[in-house]
Protein backbone atom coordinates (compact mmCIF):
# COMPACT_ATOMS: atom_id res chain seq x y z
CA MET A 1 52.53 216.90 65.44
CA PRO A 2 51.91 213.26 64.35
CA ALA A 3 55.32 213.10 62.62
CA LEU A 4 57.08 214.66 65.59
CA THR A 5 55.39 212.23 67.98
CA ALA A 6 56.46 209.25 65.86
CA ALA A 7 60.01 210.59 65.73
CA MET A 8 60.08 211.10 69.50
CA GLN A 9 58.96 207.51 70.09
CA ALA A 10 61.66 206.24 67.76
CA VAL A 11 64.70 208.08 69.13
CA VAL A 12 63.90 209.33 72.65
CA ARG A 13 64.09 207.17 75.77
CA ARG A 14 60.66 206.29 77.13
CA SER A 15 61.39 207.93 80.48
CA LEU A 16 61.71 211.27 78.68
CA HIS A 17 58.61 211.01 76.49
CA GLY A 18 56.44 213.07 78.83
CA ARG A 19 58.96 215.90 79.05
CA VAL A 20 59.68 215.96 75.32
CA SER A 21 55.99 215.81 74.45
CA SER A 22 55.29 218.76 76.75
CA VAL A 23 58.02 220.75 75.00
CA MET A 24 56.56 219.91 71.59
CA ASN A 25 53.08 220.88 72.74
CA ALA A 26 54.44 224.20 74.04
CA GLY A 27 56.10 224.84 70.69
CA THR A 28 52.88 226.46 69.49
CA SER A 29 53.19 229.08 72.20
CA ILE A 30 56.87 229.69 71.42
CA GLY A 31 56.03 230.10 67.74
CA VAL A 32 53.35 232.66 68.57
CA ILE A 33 55.83 234.61 70.72
CA VAL A 34 58.47 234.58 67.98
CA ALA A 35 55.91 235.91 65.47
CA VAL A 36 55.28 239.05 67.55
CA PRO A 37 58.09 241.13 65.94
CA THR A 38 56.56 240.39 62.56
CA VAL A 39 53.31 242.05 63.61
CA LEU A 40 55.14 244.99 65.18
CA PHE A 41 57.57 245.84 62.39
CA MET A 42 55.89 244.49 59.25
CA VAL A 43 52.30 245.70 59.67
CA GLY A 44 52.18 247.35 56.26
CA ALA A 45 54.27 244.77 54.45
CA TRP A 46 52.14 241.66 54.71
CA ARG A 47 53.49 240.21 51.44
CA ILE A 48 57.04 240.25 52.81
CA ALA A 49 55.79 238.80 56.09
CA TYR A 50 54.05 235.91 54.34
CA LEU A 51 57.11 235.32 52.17
CA SER A 52 59.30 235.23 55.29
CA PHE A 53 57.11 232.61 56.92
CA ALA A 54 57.09 230.59 53.70
CA VAL A 55 60.90 230.59 53.75
CA LEU A 56 60.84 229.47 57.39
CA ALA A 57 58.45 226.66 56.43
CA VAL A 58 60.86 225.47 53.73
CA LEU A 59 63.71 225.53 56.25
CA GLY A 60 61.52 223.48 58.58
CA VAL A 61 60.96 220.90 55.84
CA ILE A 62 64.71 220.66 55.28
CA ALA A 63 65.35 220.29 59.01
CA ALA A 64 62.71 217.56 59.25
CA TRP A 65 64.31 215.74 56.32
CA LEU A 66 67.72 215.89 57.95
CA PHE A 67 66.93 215.26 61.62
CA LEU A 68 63.74 213.21 61.86
CA PRO A 69 64.31 209.45 61.60
CA SER A 70 63.01 207.66 58.54
CA VAL A 71 61.83 204.65 60.57
CA THR A 72 59.12 204.37 63.17
CA ARG A 73 59.59 202.99 66.64
CA ILE A 74 60.03 199.21 66.77
CA VAL A 75 57.59 197.61 69.20
CA PRO A 76 59.39 195.23 71.60
CA SER A 77 58.71 191.54 71.00
CA ASP A 78 57.50 191.04 74.58
CA ALA A 79 54.89 193.79 74.33
CA ALA A 80 51.29 192.69 74.56
CA ASP A 81 49.25 193.04 71.40
CA PRO A 82 46.99 196.09 71.39
CA PRO A 83 43.34 195.34 72.12
CA PRO A 84 41.31 194.37 69.05
CA LEU A 85 39.12 197.06 67.55
CA ASN A 86 35.94 195.61 69.00
CA GLU A 87 37.41 195.85 72.53
CA LEU A 88 38.49 199.47 72.34
CA PRO A 89 36.68 201.91 74.65
CA TRP A 90 34.74 203.40 71.76
CA SER A 91 32.35 205.34 73.96
CA ARG A 92 35.22 207.15 75.67
CA LEU A 93 37.08 207.70 72.41
CA ILE A 94 34.00 209.21 70.78
CA ARG A 95 33.45 211.51 73.74
CA LEU A 96 37.09 212.60 73.71
CA THR A 97 36.90 213.29 69.98
CA LEU A 98 33.71 215.33 70.33
CA PHE A 99 35.07 217.45 73.18
CA ALA A 100 38.32 218.07 71.29
CA TYR A 101 36.39 218.94 68.11
CA VAL A 102 34.14 221.44 69.88
CA MET A 103 37.10 223.07 71.63
CA GLY A 104 38.81 223.53 68.27
CA PHE A 105 35.55 224.85 66.80
CA VAL A 106 35.11 227.45 69.56
CA SER A 107 38.78 228.48 69.63
CA ALA A 108 38.73 229.22 65.89
CA ALA A 109 36.96 232.50 66.64
CA TYR A 110 39.90 233.76 68.68
CA TRP A 111 42.69 232.41 66.50
CA ILE A 112 41.26 233.83 63.27
CA PHE A 113 39.22 236.91 64.14
CA ALA A 114 40.56 238.30 67.43
CA PRO A 115 42.98 240.73 65.71
CA ASP A 116 40.25 241.96 63.35
CA LEU A 117 37.90 242.46 66.29
CA VAL A 118 40.22 244.71 68.31
CA VAL A 119 41.14 246.75 65.22
CA THR A 120 37.73 247.00 63.55
CA LEU A 121 35.45 247.12 66.57
CA GLY A 122 37.83 248.44 69.21
CA GLY A 123 39.66 250.99 67.08
CA LEU A 124 43.07 249.87 68.33
CA PRO A 125 46.10 250.21 66.03
CA ALA A 126 47.11 247.14 64.06
CA SER A 127 50.39 246.96 65.98
CA ALA A 128 48.40 246.34 69.19
CA THR A 129 47.57 242.84 67.98
CA ALA A 130 51.23 241.91 68.50
CA TRP A 131 50.81 242.22 72.26
CA LEU A 132 47.67 240.11 71.96
CA TRP A 133 49.66 237.22 70.50
CA LEU A 134 52.51 237.76 72.93
CA ALA A 135 50.08 237.29 75.81
CA VAL A 136 48.64 234.15 74.19
CA GLY A 137 52.10 232.65 73.75
CA VAL A 138 53.40 233.47 77.22
CA ALA A 139 50.30 232.12 78.98
CA GLY A 140 50.29 229.03 76.79
CA LEU A 141 53.63 227.96 78.24
CA GLY A 142 51.82 227.17 81.50
CA GLY A 143 49.40 224.82 79.80
CA ALA A 144 51.62 221.76 80.18
CA VAL A 145 51.67 222.19 83.96
CA VAL A 146 47.90 222.47 84.18
CA ALA A 147 47.38 219.41 81.96
CA ASP A 148 49.70 217.36 84.14
CA LEU A 149 47.83 218.42 87.29
CA ALA A 150 44.55 217.40 85.64
CA ASP A 151 45.69 213.79 85.47
CA ARG A 152 46.54 213.90 89.17
CA ASN A 153 43.17 215.29 90.18
CA ASN A 154 39.98 215.33 88.10
CA PRO A 155 40.13 215.61 84.28
CA PRO A 156 36.40 216.41 83.82
CA ILE A 157 36.64 219.31 86.26
CA THR A 158 39.77 220.58 84.49
CA GLN A 159 38.04 220.24 81.13
CA ALA A 160 35.06 222.23 82.42
CA LEU A 161 37.17 224.93 84.06
CA MET A 162 39.48 225.45 81.10
CA LEU A 163 36.68 225.47 78.53
CA MET A 164 34.81 228.01 80.66
CA MET A 165 37.97 230.13 80.77
CA LEU A 166 38.36 229.87 77.00
CA SER A 167 34.75 230.95 76.52
CA ALA A 168 35.20 233.79 79.00
CA SER A 169 38.19 235.06 77.00
CA LEU A 170 35.96 235.31 73.91
CA ALA A 171 33.26 237.16 75.83
CA LEU A 172 35.75 239.54 77.48
CA LEU A 173 37.36 240.40 74.15
CA ALA A 174 33.97 241.04 72.54
CA ALA A 175 32.83 243.21 75.46
CA SER A 176 35.96 245.39 75.75
CA PRO A 177 37.80 245.44 72.42
CA ASP A 178 38.88 249.07 72.95
CA GLN A 179 40.62 248.41 76.29
CA PRO A 180 44.24 247.29 75.72
CA LEU A 181 44.71 245.88 79.21
CA LEU A 182 41.49 243.86 79.09
CA THR A 183 42.24 242.54 75.61
CA ALA A 184 45.70 241.47 76.79
CA PHE A 185 44.15 239.79 79.83
CA SER A 186 41.69 237.92 77.61
CA ALA A 187 44.64 236.71 75.54
CA LEU A 188 46.40 235.45 78.67
CA VAL A 189 43.28 233.52 79.67
CA PHE A 190 42.83 232.13 76.17
CA GLY A 191 46.45 230.98 75.85
CA LEU A 192 46.44 229.19 79.20
CA ALA A 193 43.07 227.53 78.58
CA TYR A 194 43.85 226.45 75.01
CA MET A 195 47.23 224.86 75.74
CA SER A 196 45.89 223.22 78.91
CA LEU A 197 43.07 221.61 76.97
CA THR A 198 45.30 220.35 74.16
CA GLY A 199 47.63 218.81 76.75
CA LEU A 200 44.70 217.20 78.54
CA TYR A 201 43.33 215.73 75.31
CA LEU A 202 46.78 214.42 74.37
CA MET A 203 47.12 212.66 77.71
CA THR A 204 43.62 211.17 77.54
CA GLY A 205 44.19 209.83 74.04
CA ILE A 206 47.38 208.07 75.12
CA ARG A 207 45.65 206.56 78.14
CA LEU A 208 42.69 205.27 76.17
CA LEU A 209 44.77 203.61 73.43
CA PRO A 210 47.62 201.65 75.04
CA GLY A 211 49.74 199.74 72.56
CA ARG A 212 48.79 201.96 69.64
CA LEU A 213 51.80 204.28 69.52
CA SER A 214 50.75 206.36 66.53
CA VAL A 215 47.02 206.73 67.21
CA GLY A 216 46.67 207.79 70.83
CA PRO A 217 48.58 211.09 70.60
CA VAL A 218 47.25 211.94 67.13
CA LEU A 219 43.49 211.38 67.46
CA PRO A 220 42.69 214.39 69.69
CA PHE A 221 44.91 216.74 67.68
CA MET A 222 43.15 215.73 64.47
CA ALA A 223 39.80 216.46 66.14
CA VAL A 224 40.98 219.90 67.32
CA SER A 225 42.31 220.74 63.85
CA LEU A 226 39.09 219.62 62.19
CA GLY A 227 37.11 221.75 64.63
CA GLN A 228 39.20 224.81 63.79
CA ALA A 229 38.89 224.16 60.07
CA THR A 230 35.10 223.95 60.25
CA GLY A 231 34.71 226.70 62.85
CA SER A 232 36.56 229.39 60.91
CA PRO A 233 34.06 229.75 58.04
CA VAL A 234 31.16 229.60 60.49
CA VAL A 235 32.64 232.51 62.45
CA GLY A 236 33.10 234.40 59.21
CA VAL A 237 29.46 233.94 58.25
CA LEU A 238 28.28 235.03 61.70
CA VAL A 239 30.56 238.08 61.71
CA ASP A 240 29.20 239.06 58.31
CA GLY A 241 25.61 238.58 59.41
CA PHE A 242 25.61 239.72 63.06
CA GLY A 243 28.90 241.55 63.68
CA TYR A 244 32.01 240.68 65.66
CA ALA A 245 30.56 241.09 69.15
CA ASP A 246 27.50 238.91 68.59
CA ALA A 247 29.49 236.24 66.73
CA PHE A 248 32.02 235.99 69.57
CA ALA A 249 29.20 235.92 72.10
CA MET A 250 27.54 233.01 70.27
CA PHE A 251 30.78 231.01 70.26
CA ALA A 252 31.36 231.81 73.93
CA ALA A 253 27.85 230.55 74.71
CA LEU A 254 28.56 227.33 72.81
CA GLY A 255 31.75 226.83 74.80
CA ILE A 256 29.93 227.36 78.10
CA LEU A 257 27.23 224.90 77.07
CA VAL A 258 29.81 222.21 76.28
CA ALA A 259 31.66 222.97 79.52
CA VAL A 260 28.44 222.17 81.40
CA LEU A 261 28.52 218.74 79.73
CA SER A 262 32.07 218.04 80.98
CA PRO A 263 30.92 215.31 83.44
CA PHE A 264 30.66 213.18 80.28
CA TYR A 265 34.35 213.75 79.51
CA PRO A 266 36.26 210.43 79.81
CA GLY A 267 37.70 211.43 83.14
CA ALA A 268 38.34 208.00 84.61
CA ILE A 269 41.38 207.68 82.37
CA ALA A 270 42.13 204.28 83.78
CA GLN A 271 39.43 201.69 83.27
CA ALA A 272 36.72 201.75 85.91
CA GLU A 273 37.47 198.26 87.14
CA GLU A 274 41.14 199.00 87.71
CA GLU A 275 42.45 200.00 91.08
CA GLU A 276 43.02 203.64 91.80
CA ALA A 277 46.33 204.79 90.39
CA ALA A 278 49.20 205.37 92.73
CA GLU A 279 50.56 208.85 93.32
CA GLY A 280 53.44 208.29 90.91
CA ASP A 281 51.24 206.84 88.13
CA THR A 282 49.77 210.13 87.02
CA GLY A 283 50.80 212.79 84.59
CA LEU A 284 51.87 212.79 80.97
CA GLN A 285 55.00 210.70 81.56
CA ALA A 286 52.95 208.02 83.32
CA ALA A 287 50.62 207.92 80.33
CA TYR A 288 53.57 207.19 78.04
CA ASP A 289 54.99 204.66 80.52
CA HIS A 290 51.76 202.64 80.29
CA GLN A 291 51.53 202.91 76.50
CA LEU A 292 53.38 199.62 76.05
CA GLN A 293 52.44 196.79 78.41
CA ASN A 294 53.29 193.12 78.83
CA GLU A 295 50.81 190.25 78.91
CA GLU A 296 50.09 190.91 82.60
CA GLY A 297 49.17 194.52 81.90
CA GLU A 298 52.31 195.93 83.52
CA PRO A 299 54.28 198.69 81.76
CA LEU A 300 57.28 197.46 79.81
CA GLU A 301 60.76 198.51 80.75
CA ASP A 302 62.64 200.47 78.11
CA PRO A 303 65.36 198.14 76.70
CA LEU A 304 67.74 201.10 76.31
CA GLU A 305 67.34 202.02 79.96
CA GLU A 306 67.83 198.38 81.03
CA GLN A 307 71.10 198.25 79.12
CA GLU A 308 72.27 201.49 80.72
CA GLU A 309 71.41 200.17 84.20
CA GLN A 310 73.28 196.91 83.54
CA ALA A 311 76.29 198.84 82.27
CA ALA A 312 76.26 201.07 85.36
CA THR A 313 75.97 198.11 87.78
CA PRO A 314 79.41 196.94 88.91
CA SER A 315 80.05 193.28 88.25
C-alpha cells in the first residue's frame, strides 16, 4: 500500500486521489473475492494453490516494475513546509496508531482462524469457507462509502460502531459455527466493519499530517499490519489453551472494550481551533486536497489542473 500510494501521488491528478485511493483500499476485498474459486476447487491441493498464488505474486512484481513510476511526487515550490516534528499533533497520532493497532490485533482472529473454526468446531465442509471469504469480500466493497460518511459526521462514533460490529462478527461466528447462514452473515459484518475502519484510519492519518505525502496514508496501515502480526500468535496460543470459541470470545471482548474508549479517537480531524469545515470539505478527497497547503493554510491548486483549465479557456 505505501508504494501504491506514492505512485498515485506521482502520476494521478490530485482531484482524483480520493477516488483512486478508495479503489486501492477496496482491492483487498476484490482479492478475497477472486480467491474464492481456489478454495472451492483446490481444497485438497493446497500445494498447487500456494504455488499459483506465488506465481501471481511474481506477476505482480513484474507489473509493479513496469507500471509504477520510479520517482516520487515532486512537492510544488509554493507549498508550505510541513510542520516541524515538535509541532505535530503527537497525542492524536498516538491515539490513531493505538486504535489502528488494536483493530488489527482483534481482526487477526477472523482473518487467520475463522476457516478453522467453522470446519473444526462447526463441522462444516472445507469448501464452505469459500462462501465465508466471498461474503467478506463483497461486504468490504461498501467500506469506502462508510469511511467517507464518517468524515462528514462523527469519526469517533463511526469508529465505535464499526469496531463493535467487528467484535460482534467474532462472537457470532464463535456462537454458531455450524450454521452456514449465520457464519456467512458474520462474514458480511466483518468485511464491512474491517474495510470501513481501514478507510477511516487512512483518512485520519492524511488529515493529521498535512504536507507529509508519504507518512499520513502509511502510518495507520503499518499499525494495522503490526497488530495483525502480533495478534495471530496470541490467538493461536489461546485456541490451543482454551479452544476456538473461548479464544474468539476473548478477542471480541477486547474489541468491545476498545470500542467503548472510542471518544478518545482523534475525531476532530481538523484542529480544534479551526472553523467548522464546510459541507464540501469532508470525505477522503477533501483530505487529499488539504494535504498540500500554501503559507496561508489554503489547499494548493494542482498545477496540472491549472494548465488544463487555462488550455480550455478561450483566449
